Amino acid sequence: MAAEHIETTKWQLQEAKQRFSEVVRRAHDEGPQIVMRHGRDVAVIIDMEEYRQLKDQGPKPDFKEFLLSGPDLSELDLARDKSTEMRDIDFEGIE
């Protein structure tokens, strides 16, 4: 199933139970089918291929792992160029 946006169909739980074969067929042919109970979304039925694609994406690194996976910056020269003079900034009157 392609990763394109497809309008999902919502089913009340009782109707989804009674028409389960149709819900599964439509999940395969049309995209995710949402099951509701008491007016709230509680489950989604998706095609097996879509499930496998989601599952195969693997775990996402947490933010710390993301930062640590970046390039080594320890040898980057961050010293300020002192050959130019610093200018004075007047902050009076600024609110």
Protein backbone atom coordinates (compact mmCIF):
# COMPACT_ATOMS: atom_id res chain seq x y z
CA MET A 1 0.00 0.00 0.00
CA ALA A 2 1.43 3.40 -0.95
CA ALA A 3 2.19 6.03 1.69
CA GLU A 4 -0.32 8.43 0.15
CA HIS A 5 -3.04 10.05 2.24
CA ILE A 6 -6.27 8.06 2.08
CA GLU A 7 -9.47 9.04 3.85
CA THR A 8 -10.01 6.63 6.73
CA THR A 9 -13.38 5.15 7.54
CA LYS A 10 -14.65 5.14 11.10
CA TRP A 11 -16.67 2.23 12.45
CA GLN A 12 -18.62 1.91 15.66
CA LEU A 13 -17.29 -1.13 17.54
CA GLN A 14 -20.52 -3.12 17.28
CA GLU A 15 -20.74 -2.53 13.50
CA ALA A 16 -17.05 -3.39 13.05
CA LYS A 17 -17.63 -6.69 14.87
CA GLN A 18 -20.64 -7.53 12.71
CA ARG A 19 -18.87 -6.57 9.45
CA PHE A 20 -15.30 -7.58 10.35
CA SER A 21 -14.57 -9.17 6.95
CA GLU A 22 -15.54 -5.93 5.22
CA VAL A 23 -13.46 -3.85 7.64
CA VAL A 24 -10.41 -6.02 6.89
CA ARG A 25 -11.02 -5.89 3.14
CA ARG A 26 -11.36 -2.11 3.22
CA ALA A 27 -8.19 -1.78 5.31
CA HIS A 28 -6.40 -3.68 2.55
CA ASP A 29 -8.05 -1.86 -0.38
CA GLU A 30 -8.68 1.65 0.96
CA GLY A 31 -6.40 2.24 3.93
CA PRO A 32 -6.65 2.37 7.73
CA GLN A 33 -10.03 1.72 9.33
CA ILE A 34 -10.67 3.34 12.71
CA VAL A 35 -12.82 1.60 15.31
CA MET A 36 -14.68 3.77 17.81
CA ARG A 37 -16.27 2.97 21.14
CA HIS A 38 -18.57 5.47 22.86
CA GLY A 39 -17.63 8.09 20.26
CA ARG A 40 -13.87 7.80 20.86
CA ASP A 41 -11.23 6.31 18.55
CA VAL A 42 -9.93 3.15 20.24
CA ALA A 43 -8.27 1.05 17.54
CA VAL A 44 -7.10 1.07 13.96
CA ILE A 45 -7.05 -1.80 11.49
CA ILE A 46 -4.36 -1.54 8.82
CA ASP A 47 -3.15 -3.68 5.95
CA MET A 48 -0.36 -6.13 6.83
CA GLU A 49 2.04 -4.53 4.33
CA GLU A 50 1.53 -1.13 5.93
CA TYR A 51 2.12 -2.68 9.36
CA ARG A 52 5.37 -4.27 8.18
CA GLN A 53 6.57 -0.93 6.79
CA LEU A 54 5.84 0.77 10.09
CA LYS A 55 7.47 -2.02 12.07
CA ASP A 56 10.60 -2.11 9.88
CA GLN A 57 11.34 1.55 10.51
CA GLY A 58 12.95 0.48 13.76
CA PRO A 59 13.27 2.39 16.99
CA LYS A 60 14.01 6.08 16.79
CA PRO A 61 17.05 7.38 18.71
CA ASP A 62 16.28 9.58 21.66
CA PHE A 63 17.41 13.22 21.68
CA LYS A 64 20.64 12.50 23.58
CA GLU A 65 21.59 9.77 21.10
CA PHE A 66 20.78 12.14 18.25
CA LEU A 67 23.11 14.81 19.62
CA LEU A 68 25.89 12.32 20.34
CA SER A 69 25.65 10.90 16.82
CA GLY A 70 26.71 14.22 15.26
CA PRO A 71 30.20 15.05 14.02
CA ASP A 72 33.11 15.44 16.45
CA LEU A 73 33.46 19.16 17.15
CA SER A 74 36.27 18.87 19.69
CA GLU A 75 38.88 20.08 17.21
CA LEU A 76 36.80 23.00 15.98
CA ASP A 77 38.52 26.33 16.67
CA LEU A 78 35.98 28.49 18.48
CA ALA A 79 38.41 31.19 19.67
CA ARG A 80 37.25 34.74 19.00
CA ASP A 81 39.24 36.77 16.51
CA LYS A 82 40.72 39.52 18.70
CA SER A 83 42.23 41.42 15.80
CA THR A 84 39.04 43.47 15.46
CA GLU A 85 38.01 45.85 18.20
CA MET A 86 34.80 45.29 20.12
CA ARG A 87 32.28 48.09 19.76
CA ASP A 88 30.35 49.66 22.59
CA ILE A 89 26.57 49.37 22.48
CA ASP A 90 24.41 51.87 24.29
CA PHE A 91 21.50 50.06 25.93
CA GLU A 92 20.02 53.11 27.63
CA GLY A 93 16.48 53.86 26.61
CA ILE A 94 15.87 50.31 25.40
CA GLU A 95 12.97 48.62 27.11
